[in-house]
Each structure stands twice: as structure tokens, then as C-alpha cells.
C-alpha atoms as a PDB file:
ATOM      1  CA  UNK A   1      29.829   4.494  35.306  1.00  0.00           C
ATOM      2  CA  UNK A   2      28.521   3.647  31.829  1.00  0.00           C
ATOM      3  CA  UNK A   3      26.973   0.261  32.600  1.00  0.00           C
ATOM      4  CA  UNK A   4      24.754  -1.050  35.372  1.00  0.00           C
ATOM      5  CA  UNK A   5      24.237  -4.671  36.302  1.00  0.00           C
ATOM      6  CA  UNK A   6      20.465  -4.562  36.575  1.00  0.00           C
ATOM      7  CA  UNK A   7      20.113  -8.200  37.614  1.00  0.00           C
ATOM      8  CA  UNK A   8      22.639  -7.945  40.382  1.00  0.00           C
ATOM      9  CA  UNK A   9      22.935  -7.039  44.062  1.00  0.00           C
ATOM     10  CA  UNK A  10      24.113  -3.460  44.521  1.00  0.00           C
ATOM     11  CA  UNK A  11      23.620  -3.059  48.256  1.00  0.00           C
ATOM     12  CA  UNK A  12      20.723  -0.665  47.739  1.00  0.00           C
ATOM     13  CA  UNK A  13      17.483  -0.502  45.702  1.00  0.00           C
ATOM     14  CA  UNK A  14      18.408   0.318  42.119  1.00  0.00           C
ATOM     15  CA  UNK A  15      16.206  -1.613  39.641  1.00  0.00           C
ATOM     16  CA  UNK A  16      13.661   0.688  38.006  1.00  0.00           C
ATOM     17  CA  UNK A  17      10.307  -0.073  36.377  1.00  0.00           C
ATOM     18  CA  UNK A  18      11.660   1.326  33.119  1.00  0.00           C
ATOM     19  CA  UNK A  19      14.526  -1.188  33.168  1.00  0.00           C
ATOM     20  CA  UNK A  20      12.112  -4.040  33.816  1.00  0.00           C
ATOM     21  CA  UNK A  21       9.851  -2.818  31.002  1.00  0.00           C
ATOM     22  CA  UNK A  22      12.827  -2.578  28.642  1.00  0.00           C
ATOM     23  CA  UNK A  23      13.652  -6.224  29.356  1.00  0.00           C
ATOM     24  CA  UNK A  24      10.056  -7.309  28.642  1.00  0.00           C
ATOM     25  CA  UNK A  25       9.937  -5.230  25.442  1.00  0.00           C
ATOM     26  CA  UNK A  26      13.233  -6.664  24.257  1.00  0.00           C
ATOM     27  CA  UNK A  27      12.137 -10.255  24.827  1.00  0.00           C
ATOM     28  CA  UNK A  28       8.498 -10.236  23.713  1.00  0.00           C
ATOM     29  CA  UNK A  29       8.334  -7.078  21.596  1.00  0.00           C
ATOM     30  CA  UNK A  30       7.620  -3.418  22.134  1.00  0.00           C
ATOM     31  CA  UNK A  31       3.976  -3.409  21.053  1.00  0.00           C
ATOM     32  CA  UNK A  32       0.820  -4.074  23.091  1.00  0.00           C
ATOM     33  CA  UNK A  33      -0.252  -7.630  23.856  1.00  0.00           C
ATOM     34  CA  UNK A  34      -2.803  -9.528  25.920  1.00  0.00           C
ATOM     35  CA  UNK A  35      -1.153 -12.619  27.374  1.00  0.00           C
ATOM     36  CA  UNK A  36      -2.671 -16.088  27.161  1.00  0.00           C
ATOM     37  CA  UNK A  37      -3.380 -16.247  30.905  1.00  0.00           C
ATOM     38  CA  UNK A  38      -6.449 -16.191  33.142  1.00  0.00           C
ATOM     39  CA  UNK A  39      -9.552 -15.292  31.074  1.00  0.00           C
ATOM     40  CA  UNK A  40      -7.723 -12.967  28.652  1.00  0.00           C
ATOM     41  CA  UNK A  41      -9.985 -10.002  29.510  1.00  0.00           C
ATOM     42  CA  UNK A  42     -13.141 -11.669  28.190  1.00  0.00           C
ATOM     43  CA  UNK A  43     -16.033  -9.201  28.090  1.00  0.00           C
ATOM     44  CA  UNK A  44     -19.680  -9.675  29.023  1.00  0.00           C
ATOM     45  CA  UNK A  45     -22.445  -7.135  28.366  1.00  0.00           C
ATOM     46  CA  UNK A  46     -24.479  -7.014  31.566  1.00  0.00           C
ATOM     47  CA  UNK A  47     -26.997  -4.285  30.718  1.00  0.00           C
ATOM     48  CA  UNK A  48     -27.554  -1.244  28.502  1.00  0.00           C
ATOM     49  CA  UNK A  49     -24.889   0.660  30.426  1.00  0.00           C
ATOM     50  CA  UNK A  50     -22.620  -1.906  32.066  1.00  0.00           C
ATOM     51  CA  UNK A  51     -20.053  -4.458  30.939  1.00  0.00           C
ATOM     52  CA  UNK A  52     -17.835  -6.811  32.919  1.00  0.00           C
ATOM     53  CA  UNK A  53     -14.196  -7.458  32.037  1.00  0.00           C
ATOM     54  CA  UNK A  54     -12.761 -10.769  33.239  1.00  0.00           C
ATOM     55  CA  UNK A  55      -9.275 -11.311  34.606  1.00  0.00           C
ATOM     56  CA  UNK A  56      -6.217 -11.168  32.417  1.00  0.00           C
ATOM     57  CA  UNK A  57      -2.658 -10.007  31.927  1.00  0.00           C
ATOM     58  CA  UNK A  58      -1.322  -7.590  29.363  1.00  0.00           C
ATOM     59  CA  UNK A  59       1.973  -6.046  28.407  1.00  0.00           C
ATOM     60  CA  UNK A  60       1.964  -2.585  26.852  1.00  0.00           C
ATOM     61  CA  UNK A  61       5.346  -1.538  25.516  1.00  0.00           C
ATOM     62  CA  UNK A  62       7.003  -3.732  28.112  1.00  0.00           C
ATOM     63  CA  UNK A  63       4.882  -2.647  31.081  1.00  0.00           C
ATOM     64  CA  UNK A  64       3.000  -5.575  32.632  1.00  0.00           C
ATOM     65  CA  UNK A  65      -0.470  -4.970  34.089  1.00  0.00           C
ATOM     66  CA  UNK A  66      -2.723  -7.610  35.664  1.00  0.00           C
ATOM     67  CA  UNK A  67      -6.433  -7.839  36.405  1.00  0.00           C
ATOM     68  CA  UNK A  68      -7.025 -10.593  38.991  1.00  0.00           C
ATOM     69  CA  UNK A  69     -10.826 -10.493  39.237  1.00  0.00           C
ATOM     70  CA  UNK A  70     -13.770  -9.311  37.108  1.00  0.00           C
ATOM     71  CA  UNK A  71     -14.200  -5.557  36.852  1.00  0.00           C
ATOM     72  CA  UNK A  72     -17.456  -3.725  36.091  1.00  0.00           C
ATOM     73  CA  UNK A  73     -17.316  -0.729  33.754  1.00  0.00           C
ATOM     74  CA  UNK A  74     -20.079   1.782  33.130  1.00  0.00           C
ATOM     75  CA  UNK A  75     -21.014   2.729  29.577  1.00  0.00           C
ATOM     76  CA  UNK A  76     -22.723   6.106  29.340  1.00  0.00           C
ATOM     77  CA  UNK A  77     -26.255   5.700  28.044  1.00  0.00           C
ATOM     78  CA  UNK A  78     -26.730   6.164  24.323  1.00  0.00           C
ATOM     79  CA  UNK A  79     -29.209   8.543  22.681  1.00  0.00           C
ATOM     80  CA  UNK A  80     -32.171   7.669  20.492  1.00  0.00           C
ATOM     81  CA  UNK A  81     -31.422   8.172  16.809  1.00  0.00           C
ATOM     82  CA  UNK A  82     -27.665   8.464  17.314  1.00  0.00           C
ATOM     83  CA  UNK A  83     -24.688   6.135  17.121  1.00  0.00           C
ATOM     84  CA  UNK A  84     -21.453   6.151  19.089  1.00  0.00           C
ATOM     85  CA  UNK A  85     -18.230   4.181  19.487  1.00  0.00           C
ATOM     86  CA  UNK A  86     -16.702   3.885  22.941  1.00  0.00           C
ATOM     87  CA  UNK A  87     -13.284   2.349  23.544  1.00  0.00           C
ATOM     88  CA  UNK A  88     -12.441   0.262  26.607  1.00  0.00           C
ATOM     89  CA  UNK A  89      -8.730   0.499  27.275  1.00  0.00           C
ATOM     90  CA  UNK A  90      -6.052  -0.047  29.849  1.00  0.00           C
ATOM     91  CA  UNK A  91      -4.708   3.380  30.770  1.00  0.00           C
ATOM     92  CA  UNK A  92      -1.169   3.828  32.031  1.00  0.00           C
ATOM     93  CA  UNK A  93      -0.585   6.990  34.047  1.00  0.00           C
ATOM     94  CA  UNK A  94       2.470   8.449  35.684  1.00  0.00           C
ATOM     95  CA  UNK A  95       2.273  11.146  38.344  1.00  0.00           C
ATOM     96  CA  UNK A  96       5.426  13.051  39.181  1.00  0.00           C
ATOM     97  CA  UNK A  97       8.670  11.173  38.806  1.00  0.00           C
ATOM     98  CA  UNK A  98       7.803   7.778  40.222  1.00  0.00           C
ATOM     99  CA  UNK A  99       4.105   6.995  40.822  1.00  0.00           C
ATOM    100  CA  UNK A 100       2.766   4.811  38.020  1.00  0.00           C
ATOM    101  CA  UNK A 101      -0.548   2.968  37.706  1.00  0.00           C
ATOM    102  CA  UNK A 102      -2.779   1.118  35.250  1.00  0.00           C
ATOM    103  CA  UNK A 103      -6.576   1.074  35.201  1.00  0.00           C
ATOM    104  CA  UNK A 104      -9.406  -0.080  32.946  1.00  0.00           C
ATOM    105  CA  UNK A 105     -11.291   2.925  31.620  1.00  0.00           C
ATOM    106  CA  UNK A 106     -13.993   3.717  29.074  1.00  0.00           C
ATOM    107  CA  UNK A 107     -13.205   6.474  26.583  1.00  0.00           C
ATOM    108  CA  UNK A 108     -16.493   7.897  25.343  1.00  0.00           C
ATOM    109  CA  UNK A 109     -16.938   8.574  21.635  1.00  0.00           C
ATOM    110  CA  UNK A 110     -18.873  11.372  19.960  1.00  0.00           C
ATOM    111  CA  UNK A 111     -22.568  10.688  19.154  1.00  0.00           C
ATOM    112  CA  UNK A 112     -23.576  11.157  15.522  1.00  0.00           C
ATOM    113  CA  UNK A 113     -26.456  10.469  13.181  1.00  0.00           C
ATOM    114  CA  UNK A 114     -23.950   9.304  10.578  1.00  0.00           C
ATOM    115  CA  UNK A 115     -21.089   6.813  10.823  1.00  0.00           C
ATOM    116  CA  UNK A 116     -19.461   6.929  14.260  1.00  0.00           C
ATOM    117  CA  UNK A 117     -15.691   7.172  14.643  1.00  0.00           C
ATOM    118  CA  UNK A 118     -13.490   6.000  17.474  1.00  0.00           C
ATOM    119  CA  UNK A 119     -12.514   8.496  20.154  1.00  0.00           C
ATOM    120  CA  UNK A 120      -8.919   9.702  20.284  1.00  0.00           C
ATOM    121  CA  UNK A 121      -6.634   7.738  22.596  1.00  0.00           C
ATOM    122  CA  UNK A 122      -3.313   8.629  24.159  1.00  0.00           C
ATOM    123  CA  UNK A 123      -0.764   6.899  21.950  1.00  0.00           C
ATOM    124  CA  UNK A 124       2.550   8.662  22.593  1.00  0.00           C
ATOM    125  CA  UNK A 125       4.968   5.880  23.616  1.00  0.00           C
ATOM    126  CA  UNK A 126       5.808   5.544  27.288  1.00  0.00           C
ATOM    127  CA  UNK A 127       9.471   5.286  26.328  1.00  0.00           C
ATOM    128  CA  UNK A 128       9.223   8.802  24.896  1.00  0.00           C
ATOM    129  CA  UNK A 129       8.156  10.234  28.217  1.00  0.00           C
ATOM    130  CA  UNK A 130       4.368   9.965  27.947  1.00  0.00           C
ATOM    131  CA  UNK A 131       2.628  10.253  31.302  1.00  0.00           C
ATOM    132  CA  UNK A 132      -0.620   8.807  29.916  1.00  0.00           C
ATOM    133  CA  UNK A 133      -0.890   5.920  27.469  1.00  0.00           C
ATOM    134  CA  UNK A 134      -3.949   3.948  26.340  1.00  0.00           C
ATOM    135  CA  UNK A 135      -3.940   0.345  25.174  1.00  0.00           C
ATOM    136  CA  UNK A 136      -7.213  -0.333  23.357  1.00  0.00           C
ATOM    137  CA  UNK A 137      -9.018  -3.518  24.371  1.00  0.00           C
ATOM    138  CA  UNK A 138     -12.570  -3.300  22.975  1.00  0.00           C
ATOM    139  CA  UNK A 139     -14.641  -1.096  20.719  1.00  0.00           C
ATOM    140  CA  UNK A 140     -18.183  -0.882  22.076  1.00  0.00           C
ATOM    141  CA  UNK A 141     -20.670   0.271  19.406  1.00  0.00           C
ATOM    142  CA  UNK A 142     -23.908   1.925  20.498  1.00  0.00           C
ATOM    143  CA  UNK A 143     -26.947   2.318  18.269  1.00  0.00           C
ATOM    144  CA  UNK A 144     -29.438   4.455  20.081  1.00  0.00           C
ATOM    145  CA  UNK A 145     -29.656   3.036  23.601  1.00  0.00           C
ATOM    146  CA  UNK A 146     -28.572  -0.444  22.501  1.00  0.00           C
ATOM    147  CA  UNK A 147     -25.049  -1.757  23.087  1.00  0.00           C
ATOM    148  CA  UNK A 148     -23.780  -3.805  20.178  1.00  0.00           C
ATOM    149  CA  UNK A 149     -21.325  -6.707  20.277  1.00  0.00           C
ATOM    150  CA  UNK A 150     -17.978  -5.481  21.666  1.00  0.00           C
ATOM    151  CA  UNK A 151     -15.148  -5.813  19.134  1.00  0.00           C
ATOM    152  CA  UNK A 152     -11.711  -6.964  20.381  1.00  0.00           C
ATOM    153  CA  UNK A 153      -8.876  -4.592  19.421  1.00  0.00           C
ATOM    154  CA  UNK A 154      -5.939  -6.460  20.950  1.00  0.00           C
ATOM    155  CA  UNK A 155      -3.498  -9.153  19.878  1.00  0.00           C
ATOM    156  CA  UNK A 156      -3.031 -12.244  22.053  1.00  0.00           C
ATOM    157  CA  UNK A 157       0.602 -13.197  22.526  1.00  0.00           C
ATOM    158  CA  UNK A 158       0.848 -16.986  22.442  1.00  0.00           C
ATOM    159  CA  UNK A 159       3.261 -18.716  24.843  1.00  0.00           C
ATOM    160  CA  UNK A 160       6.458 -20.242  23.526  1.00  0.00           C
ATOM    161  CA  UNK A 161       5.115 -23.740  24.193  1.00  0.00           C
ATOM    162  CA  UNK A 162       2.413 -23.247  21.552  1.00  0.00           C
ATOM    163  CA  UNK A 163       4.840 -22.192  18.833  1.00  0.00           C
ATOM    164  CA  UNK A 164       7.674 -24.568  19.653  1.00  0.00           C
ATOM    165  CA  UNK A 165       6.891 -26.921  16.763  1.00  0.00           C
ATOM    166  CA  UNK A 166       7.200 -24.059  14.290  1.00  0.00           C
ATOM    167  CA  UNK A 167      10.655 -23.307  15.691  1.00  0.00           C
ATOM    168  CA  UNK A 168      11.895 -26.868  15.234  1.00  0.00           C
ATOM    169  CA  UNK A 169      14.355 -27.144  12.336  1.00  0.00           C
ATOM    170  CA  UNK A 170      12.929 -28.245   9.000  1.00  0.00           C
ATOM    171  CA  UNK A 171      14.940 -30.875   7.157  1.00  0.00           C
ATOM    172  CA  UNK A 172      14.293 -30.614   3.421  1.00  0.00           C
ATOM    173  CA  UNK A 173      15.970 -32.633   0.680  1.00  0.00           C
ATOM    174  CA  UNK A 174      15.234 -32.580  -3.032  1.00  0.00           C
ATOM    175  CA  UNK A 175      16.539 -34.663  -5.894  1.00  0.00           C
ATOM    176  CA  UNK A 176      15.840 -36.520  -9.113  1.00  0.00           C
ATOM    177  CA  UNK A 177      15.885 -40.235  -9.895  1.00  0.00           C
ATOM    178  CA  UNK A 178      15.396 -42.259 -13.066  1.00  0.00           C
ATOM    179  CA  UNK A 179      13.082 -45.189 -12.308  1.00  0.00           C
ATOM    180  CA  UNK A 180      11.169 -47.807 -14.212  1.00  0.00           C
ATOM    181  CA  UNK A 181       8.125 -49.965 -13.616  1.00  0.00           C
ATOM    182  CA  UNK A 182       9.241 -53.585 -13.967  1.00  0.00           C
ATOM    183  CA  UNK A 183       5.759 -54.658 -14.983  1.00  0.00           C
ATOM    184  CA  UNK A 184       4.595 -55.072 -11.400  1.00  0.00           C
ATOM    185  CA  UNK A 185       1.484 -52.950 -11.677  1.00  0.00           C
ATOM    186  CA  UNK A 186       2.039 -49.234 -12.116  1.00  0.00           C
ATOM    187  CA  UNK A 187       4.686 -48.330  -9.569  1.00  0.00           C
ATOM    188  CA  UNK A 188       8.441 -48.160  -9.114  1.00  0.00           C
ATOM    189  CA  UNK A 189      10.442 -48.319  -5.897  1.00  0.00           C
ATOM    190  CA  UNK A 190      11.976 -45.001  -4.990  1.00  0.00           C
ATOM    191  CA  UNK A 191      13.884 -46.353  -1.970  1.00  0.00           C
ATOM    192  CA  UNK A 192      13.890 -49.412   0.196  1.00  0.00           C
ATOM    193  CA  UNK A 193      13.950 -48.614   3.911  1.00  0.00           C
ATOM    194  CA  UNK A 194      17.652 -49.460   4.068  1.00  0.00           C
ATOM    195  CA  UNK A 195      18.372 -47.202   1.073  1.00  0.00           C
ATOM    196  CA  UNK A 196      16.371 -44.415   2.712  1.00  0.00           C
ATOM    197  CA  UNK A 197      18.473 -44.688   5.871  1.00  0.00           C
ATOM    198  CA  UNK A 198      21.699 -44.712   3.864  1.00  0.00           C
ATOM    199  CA  UNK A 199      20.705 -41.609   1.894  1.00  0.00           C
ATOM    200  CA  UNK A 200      19.162 -39.485   4.684  1.00  0.00           C
ATOM    201  CA  UNK A 201      20.908 -40.782   7.807  1.00  0.00           C
ATOM    202  CA  UNK A 202      17.730 -41.790   9.658  1.00  0.00           C
ATOM    203  CA  UNK A 203      15.070 -44.469   9.634  1.00  0.00           C
ATOM    204  CA  UNK A 204      11.802 -44.026   7.795  1.00  0.00           C
ATOM    205  CA  UNK A 205       9.039 -42.793  10.133  1.00  0.00           C
ATOM    206  CA  UNK A 206       5.502 -41.464  10.087  1.00  0.00           C
ATOM    207  CA  UNK A 207       6.829 -37.913  10.514  1.00  0.00           C
ATOM    208  CA  UNK A 208       8.477 -38.024   7.071  1.00  0.00           C
ATOM    209  CA  UNK A 209       6.714 -36.446   4.103  1.00  0.00           C
ATOM    210  CA  UNK A 210       7.650 -37.453   0.540  1.00  0.00           C
ATOM    211  CA  UNK A 211       6.303 -35.871  -2.629  1.00  0.00           C
ATOM    212  CA  UNK A 212       7.112 -36.635  -6.263  1.00  0.00           C
ATOM    213  CA  UNK A 213       6.361 -35.326  -9.731  1.00  0.00           C
ATOM    214  CA  UNK A 214       7.304 -36.009 -13.338  1.00  0.00           C
ATOM    215  CA  UNK A 215      10.776 -34.784 -14.094  1.00  0.00           C
ATOM    216  CA  UNK A 216      10.332 -34.993 -17.878  1.00  0.00           C
ATOM    217  CA  UNK A 217       6.842 -35.921 -19.018  1.00  0.00           C
ATOM    218  CA  UNK A 218       7.728 -35.579 -22.708  1.00  0.00           C
ATOM    219  CA  UNK A 219      10.282 -38.379 -22.449  1.00  0.00           C
ATOM    220  CA  UNK A 220       7.767 -40.934 -21.247  1.00  0.00           C
ATOM    221  CA  UNK A 221       4.164 -39.773 -21.049  1.00  0.00           C
ATOM    222  CA  UNK A 222       3.331 -41.576 -17.819  1.00  0.00           C
ATOM    223  CA  UNK A 223       2.029 -39.434 -14.951  1.00  0.00           C
ATOM    224  CA  UNK A 224       3.233 -39.689 -11.373  1.00  0.00           C
ATOM    225  CA  UNK A 225       0.084 -39.847  -9.261  1.00  0.00           C
ATOM    226  CA  UNK A 226       1.283 -40.330  -5.678  1.00  0.00           C
ATOM    227  CA  UNK A 227       3.825 -41.798  -3.272  1.00  0.00           C
ATOM    228  CA  UNK A 228       3.041 -44.777  -1.056  1.00  0.00           C
ATOM    229  CA  UNK A 229       4.809 -46.559   1.790  1.00  0.00           C
ATOM    230  CA  UNK A 230       4.522 -50.317   2.144  1.00  0.00           C
ATOM    231  CA  UNK A 231       5.783 -51.526   5.491  1.00  0.00           C
ATOM    232  CA  UNK A 232       5.366 -55.177   4.537  1.00  0.00           C
ATOM    233  CA  UNK A 233       7.703 -54.582   1.589  1.00  0.00           C
ATOM    234  CA  UNK A 234       9.976 -52.155   3.499  1.00  0.00           C
ATOM    235  CA  UNK A 235       9.978 -49.626   0.679  1.00  0.00           C
ATOM    236  CA  UNK A 236       8.706 -46.275  -0.591  1.00  0.00           C
ATOM    237  CA  UNK A 237       7.066 -46.433  -4.036  1.00  0.00           C
ATOM    238  CA  UNK A 238       6.207 -43.866  -6.681  1.00  0.00           C
ATOM    239  CA  UNK A 239       2.822 -44.607  -8.221  1.00  0.00           C
ATOM    240  CA  UNK A 240       2.030 -44.061 -11.924  1.00  0.00           C
ATOM    241  CA  UNK A 241      -1.226 -43.749 -13.819  1.00  0.00           C
ATOM    242  CA  UNK A 242      -0.678 -47.137 -15.477  1.00  0.00           C
ATOM    243  CA  UNK A 243       1.785 -49.908 -16.206  1.00  0.00           C
ATOM    244  CA  UNK A 244       4.958 -48.899 -17.962  1.00  0.00           C
ATOM    245  CA  UNK A 245       8.339 -50.607 -18.371  1.00  0.00           C
ATOM    246  CA  UNK A 246      10.132 -47.589 -19.822  1.00  0.00           C
ATOM    247  CA  UNK A 247      12.405 -45.430 -17.737  1.00  0.00           C
ATOM    248  CA  UNK A 248      10.930 -42.275 -16.263  1.00  0.00           C
ATOM    249  CA  UNK A 249      12.533 -39.346 -14.451  1.00  0.00           C
ATOM    250  CA  UNK A 250      10.971 -38.484 -11.122  1.00  0.00           C
ATOM    251  CA  UNK A 251      11.724 -35.338  -9.132  1.00  0.00           C
ATOM    252  CA  UNK A 252      11.201 -35.811  -5.398  1.00  0.00           C
ATOM    253  CA  UNK A 253      11.237 -33.911  -2.111  1.00  0.00           C
ATOM    254  CA  UNK A 254      11.673 -35.357   1.395  1.00  0.00           C
ATOM    255  CA  UNK A 255      11.043 -33.361   4.563  1.00  0.00           C
ATOM    256  CA  UNK A 256      10.571 -33.663   8.316  1.00  0.00           C
ATOM    257  CA  UNK A 257      10.860 -31.494  11.417  1.00  0.00           C
ATOM    258  CA  UNK A 258      13.049 -32.033  14.421  1.00  0.00           C
END
């Protein structure tokens, strides 16, 4: 058998954690992410040697781990005159062929009188057979016995609902029109509302953006300053920097989403 129907009834247990992780990685990506759920692992420094990590969900290379309630972590006391970087991470471990787990741990850095560096984490991908993998969450700097402000080291994966607008199709049209100001006060009508509908196949609305610029300044000398909409006149006008009855070329762009 070369294929397996993972999401299907086989009459016996057959879906593995690796298959589930592969699905997650294929849909949301194979990197490490904190999800936008619960308290997103917010951190609070409680004392000189303790921090509290709030609830949250994460996905590391497709493997989902969840923290349902606040967890206290101990930071080893610092030393006077020395600096150190500790890393709080979620550690994946696999024992034998089938026992897997995830836990919040603190990886202690090396004290130094100079510039501290981060401790080494386990970064071999789980998909390559790693039995230990660390997803970094926070860098905790220590200066002497004082804990500094923890620095987030994770990316938050936003839900699809928050990025839906950016996925909506963008309608963009560009063109050029020769217009003239009929002495009415420094503007020329680009389209009436009925002309707009005829040209773009929809009614004018507040979601439409129109921009315009001089198509050939040398031929006229008037400057296009803006575009305005007048609902009482049912039209879209191009505004100039003064009255002018000569023809002028205007390049325009019309866009909207949805």
C-alpha cells in the first residue's frame, strides 16, 4: 500500500502524531508560532528568581502544545558583577518510539563580566528525527542579581479572520482622459455617476479610491491638485490649481477591494 487515508475509518487506530503534525505544518507553515489564543504566554516577573507564564497555545513545526493555566518557572539567581542570558522555551521530547511530551523549561546561560550570549538550544527539526527540540519563547537578561525585562522571541500567528481583508481581490484600473475646465472654477468632471457605472460596472461608493495626476504638464501648465466627489452633482471631479479653459490630459487610477 502506497497511500493511506489518514482522515478515514480503518477499523483500528492508525492516525499518528506525525501525520497530524504534517497536516498542521502544511496548512499554517513549518516554523514555530504562538497562536492568538488565551493569553499568548504573557510573562510576569514575580521576584528575583521567579517568573510566571500565562496560558497559551503554540505550534512548533506542526506539533501543537497548550498551556491552560499559569505556570511558575524558577530563574537561577544571578551573581554580583556578572551578566547572563537565560532562555525560556517550550521543549519537545520523545522517549522511545512513541512517548512524546512538551514542557516549559528555563535554559540557563553562561555568566560573564562581558556581553552575555544566549545558551545553545536544541534546534534539529523534529521531522529529521530529533528527540529533543526547543522553541524559544523569552530571553531573560540578568545583570547581577537583577532580572531585566524579558524579551519575546516568538512570532504570533494571526487568525485568518484578521487577514481576510488583505486576501480580498483588489480591483485596479488605470487610464488617461483629456479634460477641460469650462470656466466653472478650477475643476473638470472626470465622470458622472452614471458614466462611472458604465465604465467600471458598479456604482460609486465610499470604498472606491480615485487618484489623478498631470498626464502632460508641458502641454498646459495647470497642476492637478486632488479629486473630489460631489453627491449633490452626482459626479467625480478633478481639481486644478486655478481656472483654465484649455484642454489638459489627466492620468487616473481607480481601485477598490472586494
